[in-house]
PDB file of N, CA and C in Angstrom:
ATOM      1  N   SER A   1     163.655 116.208  70.457  1.00  0.00           N
ATOM      2  CA  SER A   1     162.117 116.694  70.608  1.00  0.00           C
ATOM      3  C   SER A   1     161.346 116.106  69.411  1.00  0.00           C
ATOM      4  N   ARG A   2     162.079 115.838  68.256  1.00  0.00           N
ATOM      5  CA  ARG A   2     161.384 115.363  67.109  1.00  0.00           C
ATOM      6  C   ARG A   2     160.741 113.985  67.486  1.00  0.00           C
ATOM      7  N   VAL A   3     161.697 113.201  68.142  1.00  0.00           N
ATOM      8  CA  VAL A   3     161.142 111.787  68.594  1.00  0.00           C
ATOM      9  C   VAL A   3     159.965 111.988  69.516  1.00  0.00           C
ATOM     10  N   HIS A   4     160.094 112.909  70.459  1.00  0.00           N
ATOM     11  CA  HIS A   4     158.963 113.061  71.293  1.00  0.00           C
ATOM     12  C   HIS A   4     157.619 113.516  70.592  1.00  0.00           C
ATOM     13  N   ALA A   5     157.776 114.346  69.582  1.00  0.00           N
ATOM     14  CA  ALA A   5     156.676 114.761  68.862  1.00  0.00           C
ATOM     15  C   ALA A   5     156.030 113.589  68.188  1.00  0.00           C
ATOM     16  N   HIS A   6     156.920 112.801  67.638  1.00  0.00           N
ATOM     17  CA  HIS A   6     156.432 111.560  66.900  1.00  0.00           C
ATOM     18  C   HIS A   6     155.699 110.663  67.865  1.00  0.00           C
ATOM     19  N   ARG A   7     156.324 110.412  68.998  1.00  0.00           N
ATOM     20  CA  ARG A   7     155.584 109.633  70.009  1.00  0.00           C
ATOM     21  C   ARG A   7     154.288 110.201  70.345  1.00  0.00           C
ATOM     22  N   HIS A   8     154.136 111.453  70.493  1.00  0.00           N
ATOM     23  CA  HIS A   8     152.947 112.158  70.891  1.00  0.00           C
ATOM     24  C   HIS A   8     151.839 111.830  69.829  1.00  0.00           C
ATOM     25  N   THR A   9     152.168 112.069  68.572  1.00  0.00           N
ATOM     26  CA  THR A   9     151.176 111.829  67.551  1.00  0.00           C
ATOM     27  C   THR A   9     150.728 110.329  67.534  1.00  0.00           C
ATOM     28  N   ASP A  10     151.775 109.498  67.846  1.00  0.00           N
ATOM     29  CA  ASP A  10     151.415 108.033  67.883  1.00  0.00           C
ATOM     30  C   ASP A  10     150.334 107.680  68.877  1.00  0.00           C
ATOM     31  N   THR A  11     150.595 108.262  70.122  1.00  0.00           N
ATOM     32  CA  THR A  11     149.565 107.918  71.168  1.00  0.00           C
ATOM     33  C   THR A  11     148.217 108.487  70.748  1.00  0.00           C
ATOM     34  N   ASP A  12     148.257 109.663  70.133  1.00  0.00           N
ATOM     35  CA  ASP A  12     146.965 110.232  69.737  1.00  0.00           C
ATOM     36  C   ASP A  12     146.220 109.318  68.768  1.00  0.00           C
ATOM     37  N   THR A  13     146.862 108.876  67.755  1.00  0.00           N
ATOM     38  CA  THR A  13     146.196 108.034  66.763  1.00  0.00           C
ATOM     39  C   THR A  13     145.804 106.773  67.456  1.00  0.00           C
ATOM     40  N   ASP A  14     146.725 106.206  68.326  1.00  0.00           N
ATOM     41  CA  ASP A  14     146.359 104.954  68.963  1.00  0.00           C
ATOM     42  C   ASP A  14     145.071 105.121  69.814  1.00  0.00           C
ATOM     43  N   LYS A  15     145.006 106.302  70.562  1.00  0.00           N
ATOM     44  CA  LYS A  15     143.874 106.461  71.396  1.00  0.00           C
ATOM     45  C   LYS A  15     142.613 106.426  70.401  1.00  0.00           C
ATOM     46  N   ASN A  16     142.760 107.158  69.321  1.00  0.00           N
ATOM     47  CA  ASN A  16     141.606 107.256  68.437  1.00  0.00           C
ATOM     48  C   ASN A  16     141.238 105.868  67.882  1.00  0.00           C
ATOM     49  N   THR A  17     142.262 105.195  67.489  1.00  0.00           N
ATOM     50  CA  THR A  17     141.916 103.774  66.802  1.00  0.00           C
ATOM     51  C   THR A  17     141.267 102.928  67.871  1.00  0.00           C
ATOM     52  N   SER A  18     141.870 102.904  69.092  1.00  0.00           N
ATOM     53  CA  SER A  18     141.256 101.967  70.094  1.00  0.00           C
ATOM     54  C   SER A  18     139.845 102.467  70.391  1.00  0.00           C
ATOM     55  N   LYS A  19     139.645 103.797  70.390  1.00  0.00           N
ATOM     56  CA  LYS A  19     138.266 104.289  70.714  1.00  0.00           C
ATOM     57  C   LYS A  19     137.326 103.795  69.507  1.00  0.00           C
ATOM     58  N   THR A  20     137.734 103.954  68.242  1.00  0.00           N
ATOM     59  CA  THR A  20     136.850 103.478  67.163  1.00  0.00           C
ATOM     60  C   THR A  20     136.643 102.064  67.290  1.00  0.00           C
ATOM     61  N   GLN A  21     137.767 101.252  67.550  1.00  0.00           N
ATOM     62  CA  GLN A  21     137.587  99.817  67.597  1.00  0.00           C
ATOM     63  C   GLN A  21     136.587  99.463  68.704  1.00  0.00           C
ATOM     64  N   GLU A  22     136.701 100.143  69.873  1.00  0.00           N
ATOM     65  CA  GLU A  22     135.809  99.849  70.924  1.00  0.00           C
ATOM     66  C   GLU A  22     134.363 100.199  70.473  1.00  0.00           C
ATOM     67  N   HIS A  23     134.245 101.272  69.769  1.00  0.00           N
ATOM     68  CA  HIS A  23     132.947 101.792  69.310  1.00  0.00           C
ATOM     69  C   HIS A  23     132.405 100.661  68.400  1.00  0.00           C
ATOM     70  N   ASN A  24     133.176 100.278  67.415  1.00  0.00           N
ATOM     71  CA  ASN A  24     132.635  99.243  66.504  1.00  0.00           C
ATOM     72  C   ASN A  24     132.315  97.946  67.171  1.00  0.00           C
ATOM     73  N   HIS A  25     133.103  97.701  68.291  1.00  0.00           N
ATOM     74  CA  HIS A  25     132.817  96.389  69.015  1.00  0.00           C
ATOM     75  C   HIS A  25     131.448  96.566  69.647  1.00  0.00           C
ATOM     76  N   ASN A  26     131.166  97.600  70.314  1.00  0.00           N
ATOM     77  CA  ASN A  26     129.934  97.801  71.021  1.00  0.00           C
ATOM     78  C   ASN A  26     128.847  97.817  70.013  1.00  0.00           C
ATOM     79  N   HIS A  27     129.120  98.456  68.888  1.00  0.00           N
ATOM     80  CA  HIS A  27     128.197  98.623  67.816  1.00  0.00           C
ATOM     81  C   HIS A  27     127.647  97.309  67.381  1.00  0.00           C
ATOM     82  N   ASN A  28     128.652  96.327  67.148  1.00  0.00           N
ATOM     83  CA  ASN A  28     128.230  95.064  66.679  1.00  0.00           C
ATOM     84  C   ASN A  28     127.481  94.236  67.755  1.00  0.00           C
ATOM     85  N   LYS A  29     127.859  94.524  68.952  1.00  0.00           N
ATOM     86  CA  LYS A  29     127.354  93.768  70.044  1.00  0.00           C
ATOM     87  C   LYS A  29     125.907  94.059  70.213  1.00  0.00           C
ATOM     88  N   LYS A  30     125.496  95.341  69.939  1.00  0.00           N
ATOM     89  CA  LYS A  30     124.101  95.873  70.119  1.00  0.00           C
ATOM     90  C   LYS A  30     123.353  95.453  68.857  1.00  0.00           C
ATOM     91  N   HIS A  31     123.816  94.713  67.909  1.00  0.00           N
ATOM     92  CA  HIS A  31     123.051  94.308  66.816  1.00  0.00           C
ATOM     93  C   HIS A  31     122.611  95.412  65.912  1.00  0.00           C
ATOM     94  N   LYS A  32     123.237  96.639  65.974  1.00  0.00           N
ATOM     95  CA  LYS A  32     122.873  97.714  65.086  1.00  0.00           C
ATOM     96  C   LYS A  32     121.442  98.188  65.279  1.00  0.00           C
ATOM     97  N   HIS A  33     120.590  97.621  66.169  1.00  0.00           N
ATOM     98  CA  HIS A  33     119.226  98.144  66.065  1.00  0.00           C
ATOM     99  C   HIS A  33     118.994  99.586  66.514  1.00  0.00           C
ATOM    100  N   LYS A  34     120.019 100.146  67.220  1.00  0.00           N
ATOM    101  CA  LYS A  34     119.849 101.496  67.477  1.00  0.00           C
ATOM    102  C   LYS A  34     120.150 102.370  66.385  1.00  0.00           C
ATOM    103  N   HIS A  35     120.724 101.902  65.299  1.00  0.00           N
ATOM    104  CA  HIS A  35     121.197 102.748  64.144  1.00  0.00           C
ATOM    105  C   HIS A  35     120.400 102.767  62.918  1.00  0.00           C
ATOM    106  N   SER A  36     119.229 102.096  62.987  1.00  0.00           N
ATOM    107  CA  SER A  36     118.564 102.127  61.709  1.00  0.00           C
ATOM    108  C   SER A  36     117.539 103.278  61.644  1.00  0.00           C
ATOM    109  N   HIS A  37     118.081 104.529  61.516  1.00  0.00           N
ATOM    110  CA  HIS A  37     117.146 105.613  61.364  1.00  0.00           C
ATOM    111  C   HIS A  37     116.505 105.635  60.063  1.00  0.00           C
ATOM    112  N   LYS A  38     116.859 104.766  59.130  1.00  0.00           N
ATOM    113  CA  LYS A  38     116.267 104.739  57.824  1.00  0.00           C
ATOM    114  C   LYS A  38     114.815 104.274  57.941  1.00  0.00           C
ATOM    115  N   ARG A  39     114.648 103.335  58.941  1.00  0.00           N
ATOM    116  CA  ARG A  39     113.234 102.926  59.134  1.00  0.00           C
ATOM    117  C   ARG A  39     112.838 103.194  60.472  1.00  0.00           C
ATOM    118  N   LYS A  40     112.425 104.424  60.798  1.00  0.00           N
ATOM    119  CA  LYS A  40     112.200 104.876  62.096  1.00  0.00           C
ATOM    120  C   LYS A  40     111.097 104.029  62.820  1.00  0.00           C
ATOM    121  N   HIS A  41     110.140 103.595  62.123  1.00  0.00           N
ATOM    122  CA  HIS A  41     109.036 102.927  62.805  1.00  0.00           C
ATOM    123  C   HIS A  41     109.376 101.544  63.197  1.00  0.00           C
ATOM    124  N   TYR A  42     110.579 101.005  62.898  1.00  0.00           N
ATOM    125  CA  TYR A  42     110.825  99.583  63.202  1.00  0.00           C
ATOM    126  C   TYR A  42     112.281  99.414  63.358  1.00  0.00           C
ATOM    127  N   HIS A  43     112.841  99.156  64.507  1.00  0.00           N
ATOM    128  CA  HIS A  43     114.236  98.890  64.639  1.00  0.00           C
ATOM    129  C   HIS A  43     114.473  97.444  64.695  1.00  0.00           C
ATOM    130  N   THR A  44     115.560  97.007  64.059  1.00  0.00           N
ATOM    131  CA  THR A  44     115.796  95.588  63.899  1.00  0.00           C
ATOM    132  C   THR A  44     116.137  94.899  65.231  1.00  0.00           C
ATOM    133  N   PRO A  45     115.405  93.929  65.695  1.00  0.00           N
ATOM    134  CA  PRO A  45     115.818  93.262  66.855  1.00  0.00           C
ATOM    135  C   PRO A  45     116.983  92.319  66.727  1.00  0.00           C
ATOM    136  N   PRO A  46     117.541  91.927  67.832  1.00  0.00           N
ATOM    137  CA  PRO A  46     118.666  90.940  67.714  1.00  0.00           C
ATOM    138  C   PRO A  46     118.417  89.700  66.921  1.00  0.00           C
ATOM    139  N   THR A  47     117.183  89.260  66.805  1.00  0.00           N
ATOM    140  CA  THR A  47     116.925  88.111  66.030  1.00  0.00           C
ATOM    141  C   THR A  47     116.890  88.577  64.631  1.00  0.00           C
ATOM    142  N   HIS A  48     118.068  89.136  64.300  1.00  0.00           N
ATOM    143  CA  HIS A  48     118.171  90.041  63.104  1.00  0.00           C
ATOM    144  C   HIS A  48     117.734  89.325  61.735  1.00  0.00           C
ATOM    145  N   THR A  49     118.421  88.325  61.460  1.00  0.00           N
ATOM    146  CA  THR A  49     118.116  87.669  60.128  1.00  0.00           C
ATOM    147  C   THR A  49     116.725  87.120  60.137  1.00  0.00           C
ATOM    148  N   HIS A  50     116.237  86.505  61.237  1.00  0.00           N
ATOM    149  CA  HIS A  50     115.007  85.877  61.379  1.00  0.00           C
ATOM    150  C   HIS A  50     113.858  86.928  61.006  1.00  0.00           C
ATOM    151  N   THR A  51     114.114  88.094  61.745  1.00  0.00           N
ATOM    152  CA  THR A  51     113.052  89.076  61.648  1.00  0.00           C
ATOM    153  C   THR A  51     113.034  89.600  60.272  1.00  0.00           C
ATOM    154  N   GLN A  52     114.241  89.873  59.757  1.00  0.00           N
ATOM    155  CA  GLN A  52     114.300  90.394  58.402  1.00  0.00           C
ATOM    156  C   GLN A  52     113.619  89.521  57.354  1.00  0.00           C
ATOM    157  N   GLU A  53     113.907  88.145  57.541  1.00  0.00           N
ATOM    158  CA  GLU A  53     113.165  87.219  56.583  1.00  0.00           C
ATOM    159  C   GLU A  53     111.707  87.390  56.738  1.00  0.00           C
ATOM    160  N   LEU A  54     111.245  87.487  58.008  1.00  0.00           N
ATOM    161  CA  LEU A  54     109.820  87.571  58.241  1.00  0.00           C
ATOM    162  C   LEU A  54     109.300  88.910  57.567  1.00  0.00           C
ATOM    163  N   GLU A  55     110.030  89.938  57.802  1.00  0.00           N
ATOM    164  CA  GLU A  55     109.630  91.220  57.113  1.00  0.00           C
ATOM    165  C   GLU A  55     109.479  91.115  55.643  1.00  0.00           C
ATOM    166  N   LEU A  56     110.577  90.584  55.033  1.00  0.00           N
ATOM    167  CA  LEU A  56     110.555  90.305  53.632  1.00  0.00           C
ATOM    168  C   LEU A  56     109.350  89.507  53.194  1.00  0.00           C
ATOM    169  N   GLU A  57     109.134  88.411  53.889  1.00  0.00           N
ATOM    170  CA  GLU A  57     107.999  87.575  53.585  1.00  0.00           C
ATOM    171  C   GLU A  57     106.746  88.356  53.623  1.00  0.00           C
ATOM    172  N   LEU A  58     106.604  89.141  54.726  1.00  0.00           N
ATOM    173  CA  LEU A  58     105.464  89.903  55.049  1.00  0.00           C
ATOM    174  C   LEU A  58     105.149  90.869  53.953  1.00  0.00           C
ATOM    175  N   SER A  59     106.233  91.586  53.328  1.00  0.00           N
ATOM    176  CA  SER A  59     105.924  92.561  52.335  1.00  0.00           C
ATOM    177  C   SER A  59     105.546  91.781  51.068  1.00  0.00           C
ATOM    178  N   LYS A  60     106.259  90.630  50.848  1.00  0.00           N
ATOM    179  CA  LYS A  60     105.873  89.832  49.685  1.00  0.00           C
ATOM    180  C   LYS A  60     104.459  89.421  49.706  1.00  0.00           C
ATOM    181  N   LEU A  61     104.064  88.872  50.890  1.00  0.00           N
ATOM    182  CA  LEU A  61     102.595  88.449  51.089  1.00  0.00           C
ATOM    183  C   LEU A  61     101.670  89.609  50.916  1.00  0.00           C
ATOM    184  N   ARG A  62     102.040  90.743  51.418  1.00  0.00           N
ATOM    185  CA  ARG A  62     101.167  91.920  51.231  1.00  0.00           C
ATOM    186  C   ARG A  62     101.007  92.313  49.838  1.00  0.00           C
ATOM    187  N   GLY A  63     102.140  92.160  49.051  1.00  0.00           N
ATOM    188  CA  GLY A  63     102.022  92.427  47.539  1.00  0.00           C
ATOM    189  C   GLY A  63     101.095  91.525  47.017  1.00  0.00           C
ATOM    190  N   GLU A  64     101.234  90.127  47.301  1.00  0.00           N
ATOM    191  CA  GLU A  64     100.461  89.196  46.592  1.00  0.00           C
ATOM    192  C   GLU A  64      98.896  89.420  47.071  1.00  0.00           C
ATOM    193  N   ASN A  65      98.805  89.723  48.359  1.00  0.00           N
ATOM    194  CA  ASN A  65      97.432  89.920  48.816  1.00  0.00           C
ATOM    195  C   ASN A  65      96.758  91.086  48.054  1.00  0.00           C
ATOM    196  N   ALA A  66      97.549  92.152  47.857  1.00  0.00           N
ATOM    197  CA  ALA A  66      96.890  93.262  47.108  1.00  0.00           C
ATOM    198  C   ALA A  66      96.602  92.846  45.642  1.00  0.00           C
ATOM    199  N   LYS A  67      97.527  92.054  45.066  1.00  0.00           N
ATOM    200  CA  LYS A  67      97.233  91.648  43.668  1.00  0.00           C
ATOM    201  C   LYS A  67      96.022  90.835  43.612  1.00  0.00           C
ATOM    202  N   VAL A  68      95.799  89.921  44.528  1.00  0.00           N
ATOM    203  CA  VAL A  68      94.629  89.055  44.604  1.00  0.00           C
ATOM    204  C   VAL A  68      93.363  89.872  44.845  1.00  0.00           C
ATOM    205  N   ARG A  69      93.424  90.883  45.658  1.00  0.00           N
ATOM    206  CA  ARG A  69      92.323  91.698  45.862  1.00  0.00           C
ATOM    207  C   ARG A  69      91.978  92.462  44.643  1.00  0.00           C
ATOM    208  N   ALA A  70      92.987  92.802  43.879  1.00  0.00           N
ATOM    209  CA  ALA A  70      92.738  93.693  42.699  1.00  0.00           C
ATOM    210  C   ALA A  70      92.027  92.932  41.634  1.00  0.00           C
ATOM    211  N   GLU A  71      92.213  91.584  41.633  1.00  0.00           N
ATOM    212  CA  GLU A  71      91.571  90.764  40.534  1.00  0.00           C
ATOM    213  C   GLU A  71      90.077  90.671  40.820  1.00  0.00           C
ATOM    214  N   GLU A  72      89.279  90.281  39.788  1.00  0.00           N
ATOM    215  CA  GLU A  72      87.855  90.056  39.984  1.00  0.00           C
ATOM    216  C   GLU A  72      87.640  88.931  40.986  1.00  0.00           C
ATOM    217  N   GLU A  73      86.568  89.014  41.694  1.00  0.00           N
ATOM    218  CA  GLU A  73      86.363  88.006  42.699  1.00  0.00           C
ATOM    219  C   GLU A  73      85.813  86.721  42.006  1.00  0.00           C
ATOM    220  N   THR A  74      86.494  85.683  42.128  1.00  0.00           N
ATOM    221  CA  THR A  74      85.912  84.372  41.629  1.00  0.00           C
ATOM    222  C   THR A  74      86.076  83.356  42.829  1.00  0.00           C
ATOM    223  N   HIS A  75      85.585  82.269  42.655  1.00  0.00           N
ATOM    224  CA  HIS A  75      85.736  81.234  43.692  1.00  0.00           C
ATOM    225  C   HIS A  75      87.242  80.979  44.028  1.00  0.00           C
ATOM    226  N   TRP A  76      88.048  80.881  42.984  1.00  0.00           N
ATOM    227  CA  TRP A  76      89.540  80.622  43.221  1.00  0.00           C
ATOM    228  C   TRP A  76      90.077  81.848  43.966  1.00  0.00           C
ATOM    229  N   ASN A  77      89.597  83.060  43.520  1.00  0.00           N
ATOM    230  CA  ASN A  77      90.157  84.231  44.085  1.00  0.00           C
ATOM    231  C   ASN A  77      89.851  84.246  45.598  1.00  0.00           C
ATOM    232  N   ARG A  78      88.636  83.979  46.000  1.00  0.00           N
ATOM    233  CA  ARG A  78      88.246  84.015  47.362  1.00  0.00           C
ATOM    234  C   ARG A  78      89.153  83.046  48.190  1.00  0.00           C
ATOM    235  N   GLU A  79      89.413  81.901  47.698  1.00  0.00           N
ATOM    236  CA  GLU A  79      90.193  80.859  48.484  1.00  0.00           C
ATOM    237  C   GLU A  79      91.620  81.488  48.581  1.00  0.00           C
ATOM    238  N   ALA A  80      92.160  81.942  47.468  1.00  0.00           N
ATOM    239  CA  ALA A  80      93.438  82.494  47.368  1.00  0.00           C
ATOM    240  C   ALA A  80      93.599  83.636  48.390  1.00  0.00           C
ATOM    241  N   LEU A  81      92.579  84.422  48.502  1.00  0.00           N
ATOM    242  CA  LEU A  81      92.632  85.593  49.361  1.00  0.00           C
ATOM    243  C   LEU A  81      92.643  85.064  50.861  1.00  0.00           C
ATOM    244  N   ALA A  82      91.797  84.231  51.087  1.00  0.00           N
ATOM    245  CA  ALA A  82      91.675  83.667  52.476  1.00  0.00           C
ATOM    246  C   ALA A  82      93.027  83.060  52.898  1.00  0.00           C
ATOM    247  N   MET A  83      93.671  82.316  51.924  1.00  0.00           N
ATOM    248  CA  MET A  83      95.018  81.659  52.232  1.00  0.00           C
ATOM    249  C   MET A  83      96.000  82.806  52.462  1.00  0.00           C
ATOM    250  N   SER A  84      96.000  83.757  51.675  1.00  0.00           N
ATOM    251  CA  SER A  84      96.929  84.841  51.712  1.00  0.00           C
ATOM    252  C   SER A  84      96.773  85.647  52.915  1.00  0.00           C
ATOM    253  N   GLU A  85      95.487  85.901  53.379  1.00  0.00           N
ATOM    254  CA  GLU A  85      95.335  86.615  54.644  1.00  0.00           C
ATOM    255  C   GLU A  85      95.834  85.780  55.752  1.00  0.00           C
ATOM    256  N   GLN A  86      95.552  84.476  55.684  1.00  0.00           N
ATOM    257  CA  GLN A  86      95.962  83.515  56.730  1.00  0.00           C
ATOM    258  C   GLN A  86      97.491  83.625  56.936  1.00  0.00           C
ATOM    259  N   LYS A  87      98.173  83.430  55.851  1.00  0.00           N
ATOM    260  CA  LYS A  87      99.662  83.534  55.874  1.00  0.00           C
ATOM    261  C   LYS A  87     100.088  84.891  56.380  1.00  0.00           C
ATOM    262  N   LEU A  88      99.462  85.929  55.901  1.00  0.00           N
ATOM    263  CA  LEU A  88      99.828  87.218  56.355  1.00  0.00           C
ATOM    264  C   LEU A  88      99.722  87.346  57.903  1.00  0.00           C
ATOM    265  N   SER A  89      98.604  86.877  58.442  1.00  0.00           N
ATOM    266  CA  SER A  89      98.560  87.009  59.834  1.00  0.00           C
ATOM    267  C   SER A  89      99.469  86.069  60.693  1.00  0.00           C
ATOM    268  N   ASP A  90      99.773  84.871  60.020  1.00  0.00           N
ATOM    269  CA  ASP A  90     100.775  84.085  60.660  1.00  0.00           C
ATOM    270  C   ASP A  90     102.092  84.839  60.777  1.00  0.00           C
ATOM    271  N   VAL A  91     102.526  85.344  59.744  1.00  0.00           N
ATOM    272  CA  VAL A  91     103.828  86.027  59.685  1.00  0.00           C
ATOM    273  C   VAL A  91     103.746  87.220  60.589  1.00  0.00           C
ATOM    274  N   GLU A  92     102.669  87.922  60.585  1.00  0.00           N
ATOM    275  CA  GLU A  92     102.620  89.172  61.453  1.00  0.00           C
ATOM    276  C   GLU A  92     102.688  88.659  62.880  1.00  0.00           C
ATOM    277  N   LYS A  93     102.071  87.487  63.240  1.00  0.00           N
ATOM    278  CA  LYS A  93     102.140  87.053  64.612  1.00  0.00           C
ATOM    279  C   LYS A  93     103.541  86.652  65.029  1.00  0.00           C
ATOM    280  N   LYS A  94     104.232  85.961  64.089  1.00  0.00           N
ATOM    281  CA  LYS A  94     105.603  85.616  64.286  1.00  0.00           C
ATOM    282  C   LYS A  94     106.495  86.782  64.563  1.00  0.00           C
ATOM    283  N   LEU A  95     106.268  87.850  63.685  1.00  0.00           N
ATOM    284  CA  LEU A  95     107.023  89.040  63.790  1.00  0.00           C
ATOM    285  C   LEU A  95     106.783  89.684  65.227  1.00  0.00           C
ATOM    286  N   SER A  96     105.585  89.758  65.555  1.00  0.00           N
ATOM    287  CA  SER A  96     105.351  90.494  66.885  1.00  0.00           C
ATOM    288  C   SER A  96     105.840  89.650  68.015  1.00  0.00           C
ATOM    289  N   GLU A  97     105.908  88.261  67.886  1.00  0.00           N
ATOM    290  CA  GLU A  97     106.393  87.442  68.828  1.00  0.00           C
ATOM    291  C   GLU A  97     107.914  87.744  69.050  1.00  0.00           C
ATOM    292  N   SER A  98     108.626  87.753  67.859  1.00  0.00           N
ATOM    293  CA  SER A  98     110.036  87.995  68.019  1.00  0.00           C
ATOM    294  C   SER A  98     110.320  89.361  68.496  1.00  0.00           C
ATOM    295  N   GLU A  99     109.403  90.314  68.180  1.00  0.00           N
ATOM    296  CA  GLU A  99     109.572  91.632  68.848  1.00  0.00           C
ATOM    297  C   GLU A  99     109.409  91.569  70.326  1.00  0.00           C
ATOM    298  N   GLY A 100     108.390  90.850  70.832  1.00  0.00           N
ATOM    299  CA  GLY A 100     108.137  90.717  72.191  1.00  0.00           C
ATOM    300  C   GLY A 100     109.265  90.129  72.846  1.00  0.00           C
ATOM    301  N   ARG A 101     109.861  89.030  72.355  1.00  0.00           N
ATOM    302  CA  ARG A 101     111.026  88.451  72.877  1.00  0.00           C
ATOM    303  C   ARG A 101     112.187  89.469  73.073  1.00  0.00           C
ATOM    304  N   ARG A 102     112.379  90.305  72.076  1.00  0.00           N
ATOM    305  CA  ARG A 102     113.438  91.273  72.099  1.00  0.00           C
ATOM    306  C   ARG A 102     113.202  92.201  73.388  1.00  0.00           C
ATOM    307  N   GLU A 103     111.931  92.620  73.501  1.00  0.00           N
ATOM    308  CA  GLU A 103     111.665  93.523  74.639  1.00  0.00           C
ATOM    309  C   GLU A 103     112.061  92.986  75.997  1.00  0.00           C
ATOM    310  N   GLU A 104     111.693  91.706  76.131  1.00  0.00           N
ATOM    311  CA  GLU A 104     112.068  91.010  77.277  1.00  0.00           C
ATOM    312  C   GLU A 104     113.620  90.951  77.530  1.00  0.00           C
ATOM    313  N   ALA A 105     114.280  90.677  76.401  1.00  0.00           N
ATOM    314  CA  ALA A 105     115.672  90.379  76.458  1.00  0.00           C
ATOM    315  C   ALA A 105     116.469  91.601  76.890  1.00  0.00           C
ATOM    316  N   GLU A 106     115.921  92.813  76.428  1.00  0.00           N
ATOM    317  CA  GLU A 106     116.752  94.038  76.793  1.00  0.00           C
ATOM    318  C   GLU A 106     116.559  94.480  78.291  1.00  0.00           C
TER     319      GLU A 106
END
C-alpha cells in the first residue's frame, strides 16, 4: 500500500505540473497582454517589443515636449516645439496603427 500511496502522490504532482506547464504555454502564446493589470488603460499587443519601444519613445518625446514648452518662447524654441509635436504625433500614429492591427488579428 505504501507503493500505491507513492504512486498516487506522483500522479497528483504530475497532473499539477502538466497543468501549470500547459498554463505557462498558453500564457506565453497569448503574449501576456491579458495579464498586465499594472497598466489597466493599455494592454500590450502581440507586437510586444515594437509597441513597447514606441511607448518608451512616446513618453520620452512627451517629456522633451514638456521641457520645451516650459522654456521661454524663442525662435529656436518654436521650431523645436514644432518638431517635437510632429515626432509625437508620428509616434502616436504608429502606436495606434499597431493597436489597430492587433484588434484585427484577434
